[in-house]
Amino acid sequence: MRPSSEVELSEIIQGAQAVQIRGGGTRGLGRAVGEILDTSGLSGVELYEPGALTLVARAGTALAEIEALLASERQRLAFEVPDLRAVLGRTGASTIGGVVAANASGPRRVQVGACRDALLGVRFVDGRGDVIKNGGRVMKNVTGYDLVKLLAGSQGALGVLSEVSFKVQAVPEAEVTLVAERSLPQGLADLRAALGSPYDISGAAWVAGRAMIRVEGMAGSVAYRAGKLRDLLGFEAALADWTAVRDVAAFAGRPGAVWRLSVKPTAAADLVQALDLEAVCDWGGGLIWLLEPTGQADVRTAVAGVGHATLIRPLPGMTATAFPPEPPAVAALTAGLRAQFDPRGIFNPGMMA
């Protein structure tokens, strides 16, 4: 099933029994079952106003198309969308709806927030086939339910996106990365110090013994802030590949299970050392990627109390679910939301199993 209009999408959902929602097939997790509902036919940029820093696109629009359009005006999606195809062993073209459904966000999240923080509005079709619109083309605070934030990161469990609108960002004039060879505990401590400083960091990562800090903005401001950080932490300007950090390139093509952990940054170093696994740390330690070669490590038990773990790429035979089990109160809220937006349970059934 590949609808080419919102009306056709609504009609398909009204008659569907169980569907796997798929854009480019580059980000989906879990074990969903059902007939494939391919949203790539809902494509095209509907509005782009560079002067207003606003873009509206249909959900099946290729991410590459949007990024090329923005680049032509020296603009970008501020939240730095990760490309995990190499890590997951997938092909295809990522769609903007899939980006929103996964709330896909890269290293710059420490400065500008996640995908959901740049999202202005959504249109989607719920499990009854009703078309719902929430938000608009400007940032504003109003009473009512913030379905824009709710749909971002919902993994297609609440509705099928048909249109999304974003605020975009001008590409900064200058960028400097400061690097130092550091042990994991010292490196993460330095990254937290940088993030807690007044110098407006746009990236803070640790990879293979290197701590990396990124500063972006006007050339004079970047030079000043980088100088202050050098004095504070003893880092030096160096070349760094933030795309590799964003895409977890260190684990691409290598055997093993890949886990994504969201944790308290102050707990990151002890957690990684206790598990004794290869790690890539982003967001000052708030995001940890782990490569687990055997599939036997009890990652979820280790992370309990300081965060949660998502199984991004399982090994054959692993029984762990992709998504972490929810506490009872959260599970009750989730069930209530799904009952409201997908009362027949047709969207991505089995995804959480």
Protein backbone atom coordinates (compact mmCIF):
# COMPACT_ATOMS: atom_id res chain seq x y z
CA MET A 1 0.00 0.00 0.00
CA ARG A 2 1.49 3.30 -1.12
CA PRO A 3 -0.93 6.22 -0.86
CA SER A 4 -0.18 9.36 -2.84
CA SER A 5 -2.58 11.68 -1.00
CA GLU A 6 -3.87 12.25 2.52
CA VAL A 7 -7.36 11.26 1.40
CA GLU A 8 -6.07 7.95 0.05
CA LEU A 9 -4.10 7.39 3.25
CA SER A 10 -7.24 7.91 5.32
CA GLU A 11 -9.21 5.46 3.18
CA ILE A 12 -6.50 2.80 3.48
CA ILE A 13 -6.38 3.11 7.26
CA GLN A 14 -10.17 2.89 7.58
CA GLY A 15 -10.08 -0.50 5.85
CA ALA A 16 -6.83 -1.83 7.32
CA GLN A 17 -6.43 -4.63 9.86
CA ALA A 18 -2.73 -4.32 10.75
CA VAL A 19 -0.05 -2.19 9.10
CA GLN A 20 3.67 -1.65 9.39
CA ILE A 21 4.29 2.03 8.72
CA ARG A 22 7.38 2.59 6.58
CA GLY A 23 8.94 5.62 4.94
CA GLY A 24 12.40 4.82 3.65
CA GLY A 25 12.83 1.76 5.87
CA THR A 26 16.02 3.17 7.41
CA ARG A 27 15.04 3.71 11.07
CA GLY A 28 12.36 1.25 12.14
CA LEU A 29 12.97 -0.82 15.28
CA GLY A 30 11.21 -3.72 16.93
CA ARG A 31 9.22 -6.64 15.51
CA ALA A 32 6.13 -5.05 14.00
CA VAL A 33 3.86 -7.22 11.83
CA GLY A 34 1.21 -6.47 9.25
CA GLU A 35 0.96 -5.22 5.69
CA ILE A 36 3.50 -2.57 4.70
CA LEU A 37 2.07 0.96 4.52
CA ASP A 38 4.63 2.85 2.44
CA THR A 39 4.42 6.61 3.01
CA SER A 40 7.06 7.58 0.43
CA GLY A 41 4.30 8.49 -2.03
CA LEU A 42 3.35 11.42 0.21
CA SER A 43 6.29 13.50 -0.98
CA GLY A 44 7.14 17.06 -1.85
CA VAL A 45 8.09 20.32 -0.15
CA GLU A 46 4.90 22.38 0.15
CA LEU A 47 6.34 25.61 1.55
CA TYR A 48 9.84 26.96 2.10
CA GLU A 49 10.34 30.53 3.29
CA PRO A 50 14.08 31.09 3.90
CA GLY A 51 13.47 34.56 5.31
CA ALA A 52 11.04 33.16 7.88
CA LEU A 53 13.22 30.09 8.57
CA THR A 54 10.19 27.89 7.92
CA LEU A 55 9.72 24.70 5.90
CA VAL A 56 6.63 22.54 5.37
CA ALA A 57 6.91 19.15 3.67
CA ARG A 58 4.85 16.05 3.13
CA ALA A 59 5.97 13.23 5.39
CA GLY A 60 7.32 10.95 2.64
CA THR A 61 9.72 13.58 1.30
CA ALA A 62 13.30 12.31 1.18
CA LEU A 63 15.51 13.84 3.86
CA ALA A 64 18.25 14.31 1.25
CA GLU A 65 15.92 16.46 -0.85
CA ILE A 66 15.13 18.69 2.11
CA GLU A 67 18.77 19.01 3.16
CA ALA A 68 19.80 19.94 -0.39
CA LEU A 69 17.07 22.58 -0.60
CA LEU A 70 18.10 24.11 2.72
CA ALA A 71 21.79 24.02 1.79
CA SER A 72 21.05 26.05 -1.33
CA GLU A 73 20.05 28.90 1.02
CA ARG A 74 22.84 28.18 3.57
CA GLN A 75 20.32 26.79 6.02
CA ARG A 76 19.89 23.43 7.75
CA LEU A 77 17.86 21.31 10.13
CA ALA A 78 19.49 22.36 13.38
CA PHE A 79 19.14 19.03 15.18
CA GLU A 80 21.65 17.21 12.93
CA VAL A 81 19.76 14.10 11.78
CA PRO A 82 21.71 10.83 12.31
CA ASP A 83 22.11 8.40 9.41
CA LEU A 84 22.22 4.90 10.92
CA ARG A 85 21.98 2.92 7.69
CA ALA A 86 25.58 1.70 7.90
CA VAL A 87 25.18 0.62 11.54
CA LEU A 88 21.86 -1.11 10.87
CA GLY A 89 22.98 -2.62 7.56
CA ARG A 90 20.14 -0.99 5.61
CA THR A 91 19.69 0.84 2.35
CA GLY A 92 16.97 3.17 1.19
CA ALA A 93 16.36 6.88 1.53
CA SER A 94 15.36 8.36 4.88
CA THR A 95 12.13 10.37 4.85
CA ILE A 96 11.31 13.43 6.93
CA GLY A 97 8.31 11.66 8.45
CA GLY A 98 10.56 8.85 9.65
CA VAL A 99 12.90 11.41 11.17
CA VAL A 100 10.00 12.86 13.17
CA ALA A 101 8.57 9.47 14.14
CA ALA A 102 11.97 8.49 15.56
CA ASN A 103 12.70 11.96 16.99
CA ALA A 104 16.10 11.43 15.34
CA SER A 105 18.59 13.92 16.80
CA GLY A 106 22.37 14.23 16.62
CA PRO A 107 25.24 15.88 18.53
CA ARG A 108 23.80 19.41 18.32
CA ARG A 109 20.93 18.40 20.59
CA VAL A 110 22.94 19.69 23.56
CA GLN A 111 22.56 23.20 22.15
CA VAL A 112 19.34 23.39 20.11
CA GLY A 113 17.26 20.50 21.43
CA ALA A 114 15.88 17.46 19.64
CA CYS A 115 13.89 17.08 16.44
CA ARG A 116 10.67 17.69 18.39
CA ASP A 117 11.98 21.08 19.52
CA ALA A 118 12.28 22.27 15.90
CA LEU A 119 8.88 20.86 14.92
CA LEU A 120 6.18 23.50 14.46
CA GLY A 121 3.21 21.47 13.30
CA VAL A 122 2.00 18.09 12.09
CA ARG A 123 -0.84 16.57 10.10
CA PHE A 124 -1.52 12.88 10.64
CA VAL A 125 -4.17 10.21 10.21
CA ASP A 126 -5.22 8.34 13.35
CA GLY A 127 -6.41 4.76 13.69
CA ARG A 128 -9.99 5.69 12.82
CA GLY A 129 -8.88 7.27 9.57
CA ASP A 130 -9.49 10.80 10.84
CA VAL A 131 -7.14 13.55 9.67
CA ILE A 132 -5.78 15.58 12.59
CA LYS A 133 -3.83 18.82 12.44
CA ASN A 134 -1.91 20.30 15.36
CA GLY A 135 0.45 23.26 15.54
CA GLY A 136 1.25 25.57 12.66
CA ARG A 137 4.07 27.48 11.02
CA VAL A 138 5.18 29.63 13.96
CA MET A 139 6.25 28.87 17.54
CA LYS A 140 3.55 29.83 20.04
CA ASN A 141 2.19 28.70 23.36
CA VAL A 142 -1.50 27.87 23.46
CA THR A 143 -3.78 25.83 25.67
CA GLY A 144 -4.69 22.31 24.63
CA TYR A 145 -2.85 19.11 23.83
CA ASP A 146 0.61 19.43 22.29
CA LEU A 147 0.25 16.65 19.73
CA VAL A 148 3.28 17.96 17.85
CA LYS A 149 5.57 16.89 20.70
CA LEU A 150 3.57 13.70 21.26
CA LEU A 151 3.91 12.46 17.67
CA ALA A 152 7.67 13.13 17.61
CA GLY A 153 9.30 9.93 18.80
CA SER A 154 6.05 7.94 18.83
CA GLN A 155 7.48 5.44 16.30
CA GLY A 156 4.23 5.39 14.33
CA ALA A 157 2.25 3.97 17.24
CA LEU A 158 -0.30 6.81 17.37
CA GLY A 159 -0.82 7.82 13.77
CA VAL A 160 0.60 8.07 10.28
CA LEU A 161 2.21 11.43 9.59
CA SER A 162 1.20 13.12 6.35
CA GLU A 163 2.78 16.58 6.74
CA VAL A 164 5.34 18.20 9.03
CA SER A 165 6.54 21.78 9.45
CA PHE A 166 9.83 22.96 10.93
CA LYS A 167 11.74 25.99 11.98
CA VAL A 168 15.17 25.77 10.32
CA GLN A 169 18.53 27.35 11.12
CA ALA A 170 21.06 29.42 9.20
CA VAL A 171 24.42 27.71 8.71
CA PRO A 172 26.84 29.51 11.07
CA GLU A 173 29.72 31.60 9.80
CA ALA A 174 32.42 29.65 11.65
CA GLU A 175 32.99 26.34 13.43
CA VAL A 176 35.87 25.15 15.63
CA THR A 177 36.39 21.79 17.30
CA LEU A 178 38.68 21.46 20.33
CA VAL A 179 40.16 18.03 21.04
CA ALA A 180 42.16 16.39 23.82
CA GLU A 181 43.34 12.85 24.52
CA ARG A 182 41.47 11.87 27.67
CA SER A 183 40.47 8.79 29.62
CA LEU A 184 36.73 8.21 29.66
CA PRO A 185 36.14 9.56 33.22
CA GLN A 186 38.31 12.64 32.69
CA GLY A 187 37.01 13.23 29.19
CA LEU A 188 33.37 13.17 30.26
CA ALA A 189 34.15 15.40 33.26
CA ASP A 190 35.73 17.93 30.89
CA LEU A 191 32.77 17.74 28.52
CA ARG A 192 30.36 18.41 31.39
CA ALA A 193 32.50 21.37 32.45
CA ALA A 194 32.35 22.76 28.91
CA LEU A 195 28.58 22.30 28.73
CA GLY A 196 28.20 24.01 32.09
CA SER A 197 30.27 26.98 30.97
CA PRO A 198 28.82 30.14 29.36
CA TYR A 199 30.52 29.38 26.03
CA ASP A 200 27.53 27.84 24.16
CA ILE A 201 28.78 24.41 23.08
CA SER A 202 27.17 22.74 20.05
CA GLY A 203 28.83 19.32 20.43
CA ALA A 204 30.41 17.36 23.29
CA ALA A 205 31.51 13.80 22.49
CA TRP A 206 34.07 11.17 23.51
CA VAL A 207 35.25 8.59 20.98
CA ALA A 208 38.23 6.20 21.21
CA GLY A 209 40.11 8.18 23.83
CA ARG A 210 39.42 11.61 22.33
CA ALA A 211 37.20 14.21 23.97
CA MET A 212 35.73 16.67 21.44
CA ILE A 213 34.05 20.03 21.94
CA ARG A 214 32.43 21.99 19.09
CA VAL A 215 31.74 25.73 19.00
CA GLU A 216 29.75 27.40 16.20
CA GLY A 217 28.56 30.90 15.38
CA MET A 218 29.94 34.25 14.23
CA ALA A 219 33.68 34.13 13.60
CA GLY A 220 34.63 36.58 16.34
CA SER A 221 32.41 34.88 18.91
CA VAL A 222 33.73 31.43 18.00
CA ALA A 223 37.35 32.58 18.32
CA TYR A 224 36.64 34.12 21.74
CA ARG A 225 34.74 31.12 23.10
CA ALA A 226 37.26 28.61 21.76
CA GLY A 227 40.08 30.56 23.40
CA LYS A 228 38.29 30.57 26.74
CA LEU A 229 37.68 26.82 26.52
CA ARG A 230 41.32 26.18 25.68
CA ASP A 231 42.33 28.11 28.78
CA LEU A 232 39.72 26.34 30.91
CA LEU A 233 40.30 22.75 29.82
CA GLY A 234 43.60 22.55 27.95
CA PHE A 235 42.02 21.35 24.69
CA GLU A 236 43.47 22.35 21.31
CA ALA A 237 41.82 23.07 17.96
CA ALA A 238 41.93 20.04 15.64
CA LEU A 239 40.08 18.41 12.76
CA ALA A 240 37.16 16.23 13.84
CA ASP A 241 34.49 14.29 11.98
CA TRP A 242 31.17 15.08 13.64
CA THR A 243 29.34 13.14 10.94
CA ALA A 244 31.10 10.01 12.22
CA VAL A 245 29.98 10.82 15.76
CA ARG A 246 26.43 11.50 14.58
CA ASP A 247 26.20 8.24 12.60
CA VAL A 248 28.12 6.05 15.09
CA ALA A 249 30.53 5.18 12.28
CA ALA A 250 32.84 3.38 14.72
CA PHE A 251 30.34 0.47 14.89
CA ALA A 252 29.36 0.29 11.21
CA GLY A 253 30.03 -3.07 9.59
CA ARG A 254 31.30 -4.66 12.80
CA PRO A 255 29.72 -7.74 14.39
CA GLY A 256 27.82 -7.45 17.63
CA ALA A 257 24.68 -5.99 19.16
CA VAL A 258 24.40 -2.21 19.25
CA TRP A 259 22.71 -0.52 22.20
CA ARG A 260 21.67 3.12 22.63
CA LEU A 261 21.60 4.30 26.24
CA SER A 262 20.12 7.53 27.58
CA VAL A 263 21.58 8.14 31.03
CA LYS A 264 22.49 10.77 33.60
CA PRO A 265 25.77 12.19 32.27
CA THR A 266 27.39 11.90 35.71
CA ALA A 267 26.72 8.14 35.69
CA ALA A 268 28.07 7.46 32.19
CA ALA A 269 31.73 6.72 32.94
CA ASP A 270 31.03 4.27 35.79
CA LEU A 271 28.37 2.52 33.72
CA VAL A 272 30.61 2.01 30.68
CA GLN A 273 33.51 0.82 32.83
CA ALA A 274 31.25 -1.61 34.72
CA LEU A 275 29.99 -3.12 31.46
CA ASP A 276 33.51 -3.14 29.97
CA LEU A 277 32.22 -2.60 26.43
CA GLU A 278 33.38 -0.37 23.59
CA ALA A 279 31.48 2.91 23.75
CA VAL A 280 30.85 6.12 21.85
CA CYS A 281 29.59 8.88 24.13
CA ASP A 282 27.70 11.96 22.96
CA TRP A 283 25.80 14.80 24.67
CA GLY A 284 28.48 15.04 27.35
CA GLY A 285 27.77 11.44 28.39
CA GLY A 286 23.98 11.66 28.26
CA LEU A 287 23.94 9.42 25.17
CA ILE A 288 25.99 6.22 25.06
CA TRP A 289 26.32 3.84 22.13
CA LEU A 290 27.61 0.38 23.07
CA LEU A 291 28.94 -2.43 20.89
CA GLU A 292 28.27 -5.77 22.63
CA PRO A 293 29.96 -8.64 20.76
CA THR A 294 28.17 -11.65 22.29
CA GLY A 295 24.61 -10.52 23.01
CA GLN A 296 25.00 -11.86 26.56
CA ALA A 297 25.68 -8.69 28.59
CA ASP A 298 22.80 -7.64 30.85
CA VAL A 299 22.77 -4.05 29.68
CA ARG A 300 19.29 -3.21 30.94
CA THR A 301 20.04 -4.35 34.48
CA ALA A 302 23.23 -2.30 34.48
CA VAL A 303 21.47 0.88 33.35
CA ALA A 304 18.51 0.56 35.74
CA GLY A 305 18.24 3.58 38.00
CA VAL A 306 20.36 5.91 35.86
CA GLY A 307 18.64 5.72 32.48
CA HIS A 308 17.25 3.33 29.88
CA ALA A 309 18.56 1.24 26.98
CA THR A 310 17.21 0.67 23.47
CA LEU A 311 18.43 -2.31 21.44
CA ILE A 312 19.20 -0.73 18.09
CA ARG A 313 20.71 -3.77 16.36
CA PRO A 314 20.20 -7.23 17.92
CA LEU A 315 22.21 -10.33 17.24
CA PRO A 316 20.37 -13.37 15.83
CA GLY A 317 18.63 -15.22 18.62
CA MET A 318 18.51 -12.33 21.08
CA THR A 319 15.21 -12.22 22.94
CA ALA A 320 15.53 -8.70 24.36
CA THR A 321 12.93 -6.23 23.13
CA ALA A 322 14.06 -3.23 21.13
CA PHE A 323 12.44 -0.79 23.52
CA PRO A 324 12.88 -0.87 27.30
CA PRO A 325 9.99 -2.13 29.44
CA GLU A 326 7.90 0.74 30.77
CA PRO A 327 7.18 1.27 34.45
CA PRO A 328 3.54 0.44 35.24
CA ALA A 329 2.41 4.07 35.48
CA VAL A 330 4.03 4.95 32.16
CA ALA A 331 2.66 1.79 30.55
CA ALA A 332 -0.84 2.81 31.65
CA LEU A 333 -0.40 6.24 30.06
CA THR A 334 0.91 4.65 26.87
CA ALA A 335 -2.03 2.24 26.72
CA GLY A 336 -4.46 5.11 27.23
CA LEU A 337 -2.91 7.14 24.41
CA ARG A 338 -2.94 4.19 22.03
CA ALA A 339 -6.58 3.46 22.91
CA GLN A 340 -7.43 7.06 22.04
CA PHE A 341 -5.45 7.41 18.81
CA ASP A 342 -5.39 3.79 17.59
CA PRO A 343 -8.39 2.08 19.20
CA ARG A 344 -8.22 -0.95 16.86
CA GLY A 345 -4.51 -1.50 17.50
CA ILE A 346 -3.60 -1.52 13.80
CA PHE A 347 -0.42 0.59 13.82
CA ASN A 348 2.85 -1.36 14.04
CA PRO A 349 1.42 -4.21 16.17
CA GLY A 350 4.15 -6.22 17.88
CA MET A 351 6.65 -3.38 17.67
CA MET A 352 7.25 -3.38 21.43
CA ALA A 353 7.48 -7.19 21.66
